[in-house]
Amino acid sequence: MVTVDKMAKISILGCGWLGFPLAKALLKKGFSVNGSTTTSEKISVLENAGVRPFLINVTLSDLEASGEGSLDSKSVPDIIETFLQESSTLIIDIPPKLRGPNKESFVGKIELLIPFIEKSFVENVIFVSSTSVYGEQNEIVTEESPLNPDTESGKQLVAAEQRLQSNTNFKTTVLRFAGLIGEDRHPVKFLAGRENLDNPEASINLIHQEDCIGIILKIIQNDSWNETFNAVTPFHPSRSTYYGQKAADLNLVLPKFNHENTSVGKTISSDKIETILNYTFTKPNL
């Protein structure tokens, strides 16, 4: 069991929708937190929350970074080294972002980061991945299922997972999240009022932000490293049933599904999280 004394400082690369509330949860547990953001406006927000802020933008051309206060004058390698300084654990939560004119190789970004991790005191890495690495086969999916991504982001996530987990200088636990929802984020808002939607009988695979954070805290608490976990709430009604009810609950226009074609979609098992981590979901019915 890991104690706060042993791992008093944690670095979070990517304090966005998930990373920022995660940082605040870690602070409440007694950890000190270094957190990165790609926008200068977020620096004061992080600092006011008690997070030591770093402005870091990982690009293939360079690792563009600046830090708090006097760190601005330091070189890029110095900033990254300071960001990782005295941290035993690094949480990588940056999205692939493979669309648009400025798209870059996500695997390349991870490869740029690895030498910095190797030179640091980081012993453990949590890599936030996605269940998109499995593709859309019609079956129950576990962590032992073959990887068959059908999107470019899924393919690059697989490669990034492999780069990190094959490195023997640190231990990497991969956390494959299903669709992310929260108080301010829900796919029904995008689906409301739409018509002729596919796969009405396919199972939903979602997870609430609170459980995302709870699972990460549990991994750290249990010292559960060199593992791979599917992070999805064990609640799998059909898309048509779930989104129809959720739209009604939120007074949104109901989405309409096409029931003529055969539905396609996987059901992701979270049994390993419940058994190995002994984790109980706080939002079981979403």
C-alpha atoms as a PDB file:
ATOM      1  CA  MET A   1       0.000   0.000   0.000  1.00  0.00           C
ATOM      2  CA  VAL A   2       1.399   3.387  -1.050  1.00  0.00           C
ATOM      3  CA  THR A   3       1.432   6.111   1.573  1.00  0.00           C
ATOM      4  CA  VAL A   4       1.340   9.834   0.986  1.00  0.00           C
ATOM      5  CA  ASP A   5       4.776  10.130   2.610  1.00  0.00           C
ATOM      6  CA  LYS A   6       6.296   7.835   0.001  1.00  0.00           C
ATOM      7  CA  MET A   7       4.719   9.571  -2.982  1.00  0.00           C
ATOM      8  CA  ALA A   8       4.098  13.085  -1.700  1.00  0.00           C
ATOM      9  CA  LYS A   9       4.397  14.772  -5.111  1.00  0.00           C
ATOM     10  CA  ILE A  10       2.578  13.866  -8.315  1.00  0.00           C
ATOM     11  CA  SER A  11       2.920  15.499 -11.728  1.00  0.00           C
ATOM     12  CA  ILE A  12      -0.112  15.672 -14.024  1.00  0.00           C
ATOM     13  CA  LEU A  13       0.614  16.342 -17.679  1.00  0.00           C
ATOM     14  CA  GLY A  14      -2.664  17.796 -18.856  1.00  0.00           C
ATOM     15  CA  CYS A  15      -4.820  19.575 -16.264  1.00  0.00           C
ATOM     16  CA  GLY A  16      -7.923  19.785 -18.419  1.00  0.00           C
ATOM     17  CA  TRP A  17     -11.465  18.475 -17.984  1.00  0.00           C
ATOM     18  CA  LEU A  18     -10.260  15.445 -16.020  1.00  0.00           C
ATOM     19  CA  GLY A  19      -6.760  16.418 -14.937  1.00  0.00           C
ATOM     20  CA  PHE A  20      -7.729  19.577 -13.052  1.00  0.00           C
ATOM     21  CA  PRO A  21     -10.403  18.041 -10.763  1.00  0.00           C
ATOM     22  CA  LEU A  22      -8.052  15.083 -10.327  1.00  0.00           C
ATOM     23  CA  ALA A  23      -5.351  17.479  -9.145  1.00  0.00           C
ATOM     24  CA  LYS A  24      -7.748  18.989  -6.604  1.00  0.00           C
ATOM     25  CA  ALA A  25      -8.710  15.520  -5.368  1.00  0.00           C
ATOM     26  CA  LEU A  26      -5.035  14.624  -4.904  1.00  0.00           C
ATOM     27  CA  LEU A  27      -4.437  17.838  -2.973  1.00  0.00           C
ATOM     28  CA  LYS A  28      -7.268  16.888  -0.610  1.00  0.00           C
ATOM     29  CA  LYS A  29      -5.515  13.540  -0.048  1.00  0.00           C
ATOM     30  CA  GLY A  30      -2.358  15.335   1.090  1.00  0.00           C
ATOM     31  CA  PHE A  31      -0.281  15.152  -2.082  1.00  0.00           C
ATOM     32  CA  SER A  32       1.455  18.122  -3.635  1.00  0.00           C
ATOM     33  CA  VAL A  33       0.780  18.449  -7.351  1.00  0.00           C
ATOM     34  CA  ASN A  34       2.620  19.830 -10.351  1.00  0.00           C
ATOM     35  CA  GLY A  35       0.161  20.440 -13.169  1.00  0.00           C
ATOM     36  CA  SER A  36       0.573  21.428 -16.788  1.00  0.00           C
ATOM     37  CA  THR A  37      -1.649  23.388 -19.129  1.00  0.00           C
ATOM     38  CA  THR A  38      -1.283  24.582 -22.717  1.00  0.00           C
ATOM     39  CA  THR A  39      -2.999  27.945 -22.105  1.00  0.00           C
ATOM     40  CA  SER A  40      -1.451  30.820 -20.176  1.00  0.00           C
ATOM     41  CA  GLU A  41      -4.899  31.867 -18.898  1.00  0.00           C
ATOM     42  CA  LYS A  42      -5.112  28.628 -16.908  1.00  0.00           C
ATOM     43  CA  ILE A  43      -1.886  29.273 -14.968  1.00  0.00           C
ATOM     44  CA  SER A  44      -3.562  31.455 -12.335  1.00  0.00           C
ATOM     45  CA  VAL A  45      -6.491  29.029 -12.071  1.00  0.00           C
ATOM     46  CA  LEU A  46      -4.141  26.161 -11.243  1.00  0.00           C
ATOM     47  CA  GLU A  47      -2.113  28.270  -8.855  1.00  0.00           C
ATOM     48  CA  ASN A  48      -5.190  29.505  -6.988  1.00  0.00           C
ATOM     49  CA  ALA A  49      -6.267  25.882  -6.508  1.00  0.00           C
ATOM     50  CA  GLY A  50      -2.923  24.982  -4.927  1.00  0.00           C
ATOM     51  CA  VAL A  51      -1.402  23.301  -7.971  1.00  0.00           C
ATOM     52  CA  ARG A  52       2.108  24.304  -9.013  1.00  0.00           C
ATOM     53  CA  PRO A  53       1.479  25.383 -12.619  1.00  0.00           C
ATOM     54  CA  PHE A  54       3.542  24.783 -15.746  1.00  0.00           C
ATOM     55  CA  LEU A  55       2.817  25.975 -19.278  1.00  0.00           C
ATOM     56  CA  ILE A  56       3.808  22.998 -21.410  1.00  0.00           C
ATOM     57  CA  ASN A  57       2.981  22.311 -25.037  1.00  0.00           C
ATOM     58  CA  VAL A  58       4.330  19.045 -26.374  1.00  0.00           C
ATOM     59  CA  THR A  59       5.047  19.322 -30.097  1.00  0.00           C
ATOM     60  CA  LEU A  60       7.101  17.286 -32.527  1.00  0.00           C
ATOM     61  CA  SER A  61       9.243  20.275 -33.444  1.00  0.00           C
ATOM     62  CA  ASP A  62      10.135  20.898 -29.819  1.00  0.00           C
ATOM     63  CA  LEU A  63       8.888  20.700 -26.273  1.00  0.00           C
ATOM     64  CA  GLU A  64       7.633  24.247 -25.902  1.00  0.00           C
ATOM     65  CA  ALA A  65       7.401  25.136 -22.252  1.00  0.00           C
ATOM     66  CA  SER A  66       7.557  27.910 -19.755  1.00  0.00           C
ATOM     67  CA  GLY A  67       6.899  27.724 -16.060  1.00  0.00           C
ATOM     68  CA  GLU A  68       5.879  29.701 -13.044  1.00  0.00           C
ATOM     69  CA  GLY A  69       7.752  32.808 -11.928  1.00  0.00           C
ATOM     70  CA  SER A  70      11.513  32.623 -12.368  1.00  0.00           C
ATOM     71  CA  LEU A  71      11.228  29.411 -14.372  1.00  0.00           C
ATOM     72  CA  ASP A  72      10.386  31.459 -17.460  1.00  0.00           C
ATOM     73  CA  SER A  73      14.051  32.070 -18.142  1.00  0.00           C
ATOM     74  CA  LYS A  74      15.003  28.398 -18.053  1.00  0.00           C
ATOM     75  CA  SER A  75      15.510  26.192 -21.094  1.00  0.00           C
ATOM     76  CA  VAL A  76      12.886  23.712 -22.275  1.00  0.00           C
ATOM     77  CA  PRO A  77      14.702  20.676 -20.797  1.00  0.00           C
ATOM     78  CA  ASP A  78      15.045  22.499 -17.474  1.00  0.00           C
ATOM     79  CA  ILE A  79      11.316  23.242 -17.389  1.00  0.00           C
ATOM     80  CA  ILE A  80      10.359  19.635 -18.043  1.00  0.00           C
ATOM     81  CA  GLU A  81      12.869  18.422 -15.478  1.00  0.00           C
ATOM     82  CA  THR A  82      11.457  20.871 -12.932  1.00  0.00           C
ATOM     83  CA  PHE A  83       7.922  19.731 -13.743  1.00  0.00           C
ATOM     84  CA  LEU A  84       8.938  16.140 -12.951  1.00  0.00           C
ATOM     85  CA  GLN A  85      11.236  17.063 -10.055  1.00  0.00           C
ATOM     86  CA  GLU A  86      10.731  15.034  -6.873  1.00  0.00           C
ATOM     87  CA  SER A  87       7.649  13.337  -8.330  1.00  0.00           C
ATOM     88  CA  SER A  88       7.380   9.580  -7.960  1.00  0.00           C
ATOM     89  CA  THR A  89       4.282   9.417 -10.134  1.00  0.00           C
ATOM     90  CA  LEU A  90       3.459  10.994 -13.500  1.00  0.00           C
ATOM     91  CA  ILE A  91      -0.077  11.015 -14.885  1.00  0.00           C
ATOM     92  CA  ILE A  92      -0.239  11.559 -18.653  1.00  0.00           C
ATOM     93  CA  ASP A  93      -3.641  12.870 -19.700  1.00  0.00           C
ATOM     94  CA  ILE A  94      -3.191  14.588 -23.047  1.00  0.00           C
ATOM     95  CA  PRO A  95      -5.464  13.861 -26.041  1.00  0.00           C
ATOM     96  CA  PRO A  96      -4.141  12.670 -29.407  1.00  0.00           C
ATOM     97  CA  LYS A  97      -5.636  15.674 -31.317  1.00  0.00           C
ATOM     98  CA  LEU A  98      -5.060  14.212 -34.765  1.00  0.00           C
ATOM     99  CA  ARG A  99      -7.472  16.478 -36.640  1.00  0.00           C
ATOM    100  CA  GLY A 100      -7.034  19.905 -38.189  1.00  0.00           C
ATOM    101  CA  PRO A 101      -4.152  21.604 -40.007  1.00  0.00           C
ATOM    102  CA  ASN A 102      -1.760  21.383 -37.041  1.00  0.00           C
ATOM    103  CA  LYS A 103      -2.168  17.682 -36.324  1.00  0.00           C
ATOM    104  CA  GLU A 104       0.951  15.811 -35.175  1.00  0.00           C
ATOM    105  CA  SER A 105       1.922  12.273 -34.319  1.00  0.00           C
ATOM    106  CA  PHE A 106       0.731  11.469 -30.804  1.00  0.00           C
ATOM    107  CA  VAL A 107       3.201   8.583 -30.587  1.00  0.00           C
ATOM    108  CA  GLY A 108       5.956  11.035 -31.472  1.00  0.00           C
ATOM    109  CA  LYS A 109       4.960  13.246 -28.558  1.00  0.00           C
ATOM    110  CA  ILE A 110       5.153  10.334 -26.139  1.00  0.00           C
ATOM    111  CA  GLU A 111       8.555   9.388 -27.542  1.00  0.00           C
ATOM    112  CA  LEU A 112       9.741  12.958 -26.881  1.00  0.00           C
ATOM    113  CA  LEU A 113       8.601  12.694 -23.260  1.00  0.00           C
ATOM    114  CA  ILE A 114      10.111   9.315 -22.435  1.00  0.00           C
ATOM    115  CA  PRO A 115      13.772  10.456 -22.096  1.00  0.00           C
ATOM    116  CA  PHE A 116      12.677  13.110 -19.597  1.00  0.00           C
ATOM    117  CA  ILE A 117      10.815  10.484 -17.563  1.00  0.00           C
ATOM    118  CA  GLU A 118      13.855   8.192 -17.665  1.00  0.00           C
ATOM    119  CA  LYS A 119      16.119  10.925 -16.263  1.00  0.00           C
ATOM    120  CA  SER A 120      13.697  11.868 -13.492  1.00  0.00           C
ATOM    121  CA  PHE A 121      12.827  10.222 -10.189  1.00  0.00           C
ATOM    122  CA  VAL A 122       9.487   9.101 -11.612  1.00  0.00           C
ATOM    123  CA  GLU A 123       8.915   5.469 -10.728  1.00  0.00           C
ATOM    124  CA  ASN A 124       5.324   5.078 -11.882  1.00  0.00           C
ATOM    125  CA  VAL A 125       3.277   6.359 -14.804  1.00  0.00           C
ATOM    126  CA  ILE A 126      -0.474   6.347 -15.314  1.00  0.00           C
ATOM    127  CA  PHE A 127      -1.301   6.699 -19.001  1.00  0.00           C
ATOM    128  CA  VAL A 128      -4.858   7.739 -19.825  1.00  0.00           C
ATOM    129  CA  SER A 129      -5.901   5.815 -22.919  1.00  0.00           C
ATOM    130  CA  SER A 130      -9.250   4.868 -24.442  1.00  0.00           C
ATOM    131  CA  THR A 131     -11.395   1.822 -25.131  1.00  0.00           C
ATOM    132  CA  SER A 132     -11.230   2.846 -28.807  1.00  0.00           C
ATOM    133  CA  VAL A 133      -8.136   0.605 -28.963  1.00  0.00           C
ATOM    134  CA  TYR A 134     -10.518  -2.380 -29.280  1.00  0.00           C
ATOM    135  CA  GLY A 135     -12.422  -1.313 -32.366  1.00  0.00           C
ATOM    136  CA  GLU A 136     -16.145  -2.059 -32.732  1.00  0.00           C
ATOM    137  CA  GLN A 137     -16.416  -5.849 -32.719  1.00  0.00           C
ATOM    138  CA  ASN A 138     -19.676  -7.342 -31.433  1.00  0.00           C
ATOM    139  CA  GLU A 139     -18.517  -9.025 -28.240  1.00  0.00           C
ATOM    140  CA  ILE A 140     -17.753  -8.613 -24.568  1.00  0.00           C
ATOM    141  CA  VAL A 141     -14.339  -6.977 -24.308  1.00  0.00           C
ATOM    142  CA  THR A 142     -11.829  -7.511 -21.498  1.00  0.00           C
ATOM    143  CA  GLU A 143      -8.252  -6.343 -21.045  1.00  0.00           C
ATOM    144  CA  GLU A 144      -7.147  -9.603 -22.670  1.00  0.00           C
ATOM    145  CA  SER A 145      -9.143  -9.007 -25.859  1.00  0.00           C
ATOM    146  CA  PRO A 146      -7.151  -8.388 -29.056  1.00  0.00           C
ATOM    147  CA  LEU A 147      -6.505  -4.770 -29.938  1.00  0.00           C
ATOM    148  CA  ASN A 148      -8.168  -3.823 -33.206  1.00  0.00           C
ATOM    149  CA  PRO A 149      -8.498  -0.036 -33.436  1.00  0.00           C
ATOM    150  CA  ASP A 150     -10.392   1.282 -36.455  1.00  0.00           C
ATOM    151  CA  THR A 151      -9.515   4.965 -35.977  1.00  0.00           C
ATOM    152  CA  GLU A 152      -6.190   6.757 -36.274  1.00  0.00           C
ATOM    153  CA  SER A 153      -6.370   7.981 -32.684  1.00  0.00           C
ATOM    154  CA  GLY A 154      -7.012   4.426 -31.494  1.00  0.00           C
ATOM    155  CA  LYS A 155      -4.014   3.148 -33.451  1.00  0.00           C
ATOM    156  CA  GLN A 156      -1.740   5.821 -32.009  1.00  0.00           C
ATOM    157  CA  LEU A 157      -2.986   5.180 -28.482  1.00  0.00           C
ATOM    158  CA  VAL A 158      -2.057   1.497 -28.882  1.00  0.00           C
ATOM    159  CA  ALA A 159       1.442   2.448 -30.031  1.00  0.00           C
ATOM    160  CA  ALA A 160       1.817   4.950 -27.169  1.00  0.00           C
ATOM    161  CA  GLU A 161       0.712   2.347 -24.622  1.00  0.00           C
ATOM    162  CA  GLN A 162       3.309  -0.078 -25.969  1.00  0.00           C
ATOM    163  CA  ARG A 163       6.122   2.498 -25.894  1.00  0.00           C
ATOM    164  CA  LEU A 164       5.457   3.276 -22.250  1.00  0.00           C
ATOM    165  CA  GLN A 165       4.778  -0.231 -20.957  1.00  0.00           C
ATOM    166  CA  SER A 166       7.839  -1.702 -22.676  1.00  0.00           C
ATOM    167  CA  ASN A 167      10.149   0.784 -20.947  1.00  0.00           C
ATOM    168  CA  THR A 168      11.816  -0.833 -17.931  1.00  0.00           C
ATOM    169  CA  ASN A 169      12.985   2.447 -16.380  1.00  0.00           C
ATOM    170  CA  PHE A 170       9.542   3.015 -14.862  1.00  0.00           C
ATOM    171  CA  LYS A 171       6.278   1.121 -14.341  1.00  0.00           C
ATOM    172  CA  THR A 172       3.276   2.083 -16.456  1.00  0.00           C
ATOM    173  CA  THR A 173      -0.370   1.393 -15.744  1.00  0.00           C
ATOM    174  CA  VAL A 174      -2.648   1.974 -18.714  1.00  0.00           C
ATOM    175  CA  LEU A 175      -6.158   3.187 -17.997  1.00  0.00           C
ATOM    176  CA  ARG A 176      -8.539   2.751 -20.925  1.00  0.00           C
ATOM    177  CA  PHE A 177     -11.508   5.027 -20.343  1.00  0.00           C
ATOM    178  CA  ALA A 178     -14.866   4.555 -22.026  1.00  0.00           C
ATOM    179  CA  GLY A 179     -16.955   7.585 -23.041  1.00  0.00           C
ATOM    180  CA  LEU A 180     -16.468  10.360 -20.505  1.00  0.00           C
ATOM    181  CA  ILE A 181     -19.436  12.092 -18.922  1.00  0.00           C
ATOM    182  CA  GLY A 182     -19.845  14.603 -16.120  1.00  0.00           C
ATOM    183  CA  GLU A 183     -22.108  17.327 -14.790  1.00  0.00           C
ATOM    184  CA  ASP A 184     -21.122  19.559 -17.732  1.00  0.00           C
ATOM    185  CA  ARG A 185     -20.541  16.855 -20.326  1.00  0.00           C
ATOM    186  CA  HIS A 186     -22.964  14.297 -21.742  1.00  0.00           C
ATOM    187  CA  PRO A 187     -23.332  12.850 -25.279  1.00  0.00           C
ATOM    188  CA  VAL A 188     -27.137  13.090 -25.126  1.00  0.00           C
ATOM    189  CA  LYS A 189     -26.790  16.866 -25.597  1.00  0.00           C
ATOM    190  CA  PHE A 190     -25.170  16.155 -28.966  1.00  0.00           C
ATOM    191  CA  LEU A 191     -27.686  13.452 -29.906  1.00  0.00           C
ATOM    192  CA  ALA A 192     -30.848  15.281 -28.813  1.00  0.00           C
ATOM    193  CA  GLY A 193     -33.213  15.904 -31.721  1.00  0.00           C
ATOM    194  CA  ARG A 194     -31.121  14.010 -34.238  1.00  0.00           C
ATOM    195  CA  GLU A 195     -32.750  11.418 -36.480  1.00  0.00           C
ATOM    196  CA  ASN A 196     -31.827   8.156 -38.181  1.00  0.00           C
ATOM    197  CA  LEU A 197     -29.124   7.322 -35.624  1.00  0.00           C
ATOM    198  CA  ASP A 198     -27.328   3.992 -36.037  1.00  0.00           C
ATOM    199  CA  ASN A 199     -26.851   1.106 -33.601  1.00  0.00           C
ATOM    200  CA  PRO A 200     -29.935   1.516 -31.373  1.00  0.00           C
ATOM    201  CA  GLU A 201     -29.444  -1.881 -29.703  1.00  0.00           C
ATOM    202  CA  ALA A 202     -25.708  -1.469 -29.083  1.00  0.00           C
ATOM    203  CA  SER A 203     -24.681  -1.212 -25.437  1.00  0.00           C
ATOM    204  CA  ILE A 204     -23.533   2.064 -23.938  1.00  0.00           C
ATOM    205  CA  ASN A 205     -20.000   2.191 -22.544  1.00  0.00           C
ATOM    206  CA  LEU A 206     -19.605   5.290 -20.395  1.00  0.00           C
ATOM    207  CA  ILE A 207     -17.944   6.424 -17.180  1.00  0.00           C
ATOM    208  CA  HIS A 208     -18.544   9.443 -14.958  1.00  0.00           C
ATOM    209  CA  GLN A 209     -15.776  11.910 -14.147  1.00  0.00           C
ATOM    210  CA  GLU A 210     -16.089  11.109 -10.421  1.00  0.00           C
ATOM    211  CA  ASP A 211     -15.313   7.441 -11.070  1.00  0.00           C
ATOM    212  CA  CYS A 212     -12.415   8.334 -13.379  1.00  0.00           C
ATOM    213  CA  ILE A 213     -10.857  10.214 -10.478  1.00  0.00           C
ATOM    214  CA  GLY A 214     -11.764   7.531  -7.947  1.00  0.00           C
ATOM    215  CA  ILE A 215     -10.099   4.805 -10.013  1.00  0.00           C
ATOM    216  CA  ILE A 216      -6.879   6.803 -10.417  1.00  0.00           C
ATOM    217  CA  LEU A 217      -6.770   7.445  -6.673  1.00  0.00           C
ATOM    218  CA  LYS A 218      -7.307   3.727  -6.075  1.00  0.00           C
ATOM    219  CA  ILE A 219      -4.440   2.770  -8.407  1.00  0.00           C
ATOM    220  CA  ILE A 220      -2.102   5.063  -6.475  1.00  0.00           C
ATOM    221  CA  GLN A 221      -3.410   3.910  -3.099  1.00  0.00           C
ATOM    222  CA  ASN A 222      -3.048   0.225  -3.994  1.00  0.00           C
ATOM    223  CA  ASP A 223       0.341   0.645  -5.677  1.00  0.00           C
ATOM    224  CA  SER A 224      -1.146  -1.109  -8.691  1.00  0.00           C
ATOM    225  CA  TRP A 225       1.510  -0.692 -11.383  1.00  0.00           C
ATOM    226  CA  ASN A 226       2.362  -2.448 -14.649  1.00  0.00           C
ATOM    227  CA  GLU A 227      -1.351  -3.104 -15.143  1.00  0.00           C
ATOM    228  CA  THR A 228      -3.979  -2.379 -17.782  1.00  0.00           C
ATOM    229  CA  PHE A 229      -7.545  -1.542 -16.789  1.00  0.00           C
ATOM    230  CA  ASN A 230     -10.755  -0.957 -18.705  1.00  0.00           C
ATOM    231  CA  ALA A 231     -12.462   1.923 -16.914  1.00  0.00           C
ATOM    232  CA  VAL A 232     -16.152   1.726 -17.732  1.00  0.00           C
ATOM    233  CA  THR A 233     -19.223   1.756 -15.523  1.00  0.00           C
ATOM    234  CA  PRO A 234     -20.832  -1.730 -15.359  1.00  0.00           C
ATOM    235  CA  PHE A 235     -24.111  -0.373 -16.733  1.00  0.00           C
ATOM    236  CA  HIS A 236     -24.901  -1.283 -20.335  1.00  0.00           C
ATOM    237  CA  PRO A 237     -28.479  -0.561 -21.468  1.00  0.00           C
ATOM    238  CA  SER A 238     -29.047  -0.107 -25.184  1.00  0.00           C
ATOM    239  CA  ARG A 239     -28.304   3.234 -26.802  1.00  0.00           C
ATOM    240  CA  SER A 240     -31.929   3.839 -27.719  1.00  0.00           C
ATOM    241  CA  THR A 241     -33.184   3.055 -24.210  1.00  0.00           C
ATOM    242  CA  TYR A 242     -30.516   5.030 -22.370  1.00  0.00           C
ATOM    243  CA  TYR A 243     -30.390   8.144 -24.533  1.00  0.00           C
ATOM    244  CA  GLY A 244     -34.160   8.265 -24.875  1.00  0.00           C
ATOM    245  CA  GLN A 245     -34.596   8.219 -21.095  1.00  0.00           C
ATOM    246  CA  LYS A 246     -31.724  10.648 -20.502  1.00  0.00           C
ATOM    247  CA  ALA A 247     -33.144  13.121 -23.046  1.00  0.00           C
ATOM    248  CA  ALA A 248     -36.537  12.910 -21.326  1.00  0.00           C
ATOM    249  CA  ASP A 249     -34.921  13.475 -17.908  1.00  0.00           C
ATOM    250  CA  LEU A 250     -33.174  16.603 -19.193  1.00  0.00           C
ATOM    251  CA  ASN A 251     -36.214  17.898 -21.130  1.00  0.00           C
ATOM    252  CA  LEU A 252     -34.389  17.560 -24.441  1.00  0.00           C
ATOM    253  CA  VAL A 253     -35.841  16.545 -27.798  1.00  0.00           C
ATOM    254  CA  LEU A 254     -35.662  12.754 -27.992  1.00  0.00           C
ATOM    255  CA  PRO A 255     -33.177  11.307 -30.482  1.00  0.00           C
ATOM    256  CA  LYS A 256     -34.611   8.962 -33.116  1.00  0.00           C
ATOM    257  CA  PHE A 257     -32.827   5.739 -34.004  1.00  0.00           C
ATOM    258  CA  ASN A 258     -32.863   3.665 -37.182  1.00  0.00           C
ATOM    259  CA  HIS A 259     -33.952   0.141 -36.220  1.00  0.00           C
ATOM    260  CA  GLU A 260     -33.792  -1.282 -39.745  1.00  0.00           C
ATOM    261  CA  ASN A 261     -30.075  -2.115 -39.781  1.00  0.00           C
ATOM    262  CA  THR A 262     -28.274  -4.557 -37.488  1.00  0.00           C
ATOM    263  CA  SER A 263     -26.703  -2.846 -34.487  1.00  0.00           C
ATOM    264  CA  VAL A 264     -22.949  -3.085 -34.051  1.00  0.00           C
ATOM    265  CA  GLY A 265     -20.987  -2.423 -30.874  1.00  0.00           C
ATOM    266  CA  LYS A 266     -18.947  -3.930 -28.097  1.00  0.00           C
ATOM    267  CA  THR A 267     -19.731  -4.289 -24.409  1.00  0.00           C
ATOM    268  CA  ILE A 268     -16.700  -3.457 -22.278  1.00  0.00           C
ATOM    269  CA  SER A 269     -16.160  -5.380 -19.063  1.00  0.00           C
ATOM    270  CA  SER A 270     -14.869  -3.599 -15.962  1.00  0.00           C
ATOM    271  CA  ASP A 271     -14.587  -6.786 -13.875  1.00  0.00           C
ATOM    272  CA  LYS A 272     -10.825  -6.351 -13.434  1.00  0.00           C
ATOM    273  CA  ILE A 273     -11.213  -2.920 -11.832  1.00  0.00           C
ATOM    274  CA  GLU A 274     -13.804  -4.273  -9.431  1.00  0.00           C
ATOM    275  CA  THR A 275     -11.777  -7.361  -8.487  1.00  0.00           C
ATOM    276  CA  ILE A 276      -8.095  -6.336  -8.666  1.00  0.00           C
ATOM    277  CA  LEU A 277      -8.587  -2.773  -7.394  1.00  0.00           C
ATOM    278  CA  ASN A 278     -11.596  -3.651  -5.250  1.00  0.00           C
ATOM    279  CA  TYR A 279     -13.208  -0.501  -6.600  1.00  0.00           C
ATOM    280  CA  THR A 280     -16.889   0.303  -6.139  1.00  0.00           C
ATOM    281  CA  PHE A 281     -18.386   2.698  -8.678  1.00  0.00           C
ATOM    282  CA  THR A 282     -19.900   5.846  -7.170  1.00  0.00           C
ATOM    283  CA  LYS A 283     -22.061   6.556 -10.251  1.00  0.00           C
ATOM    284  CA  PRO A 284     -23.328   3.043 -11.100  1.00  0.00           C
ATOM    285  CA  ASN A 285     -26.396   4.053 -13.127  1.00  0.00           C
ATOM    286  CA  LEU A 286     -25.109   7.166 -14.900  1.00  0.00           C
END
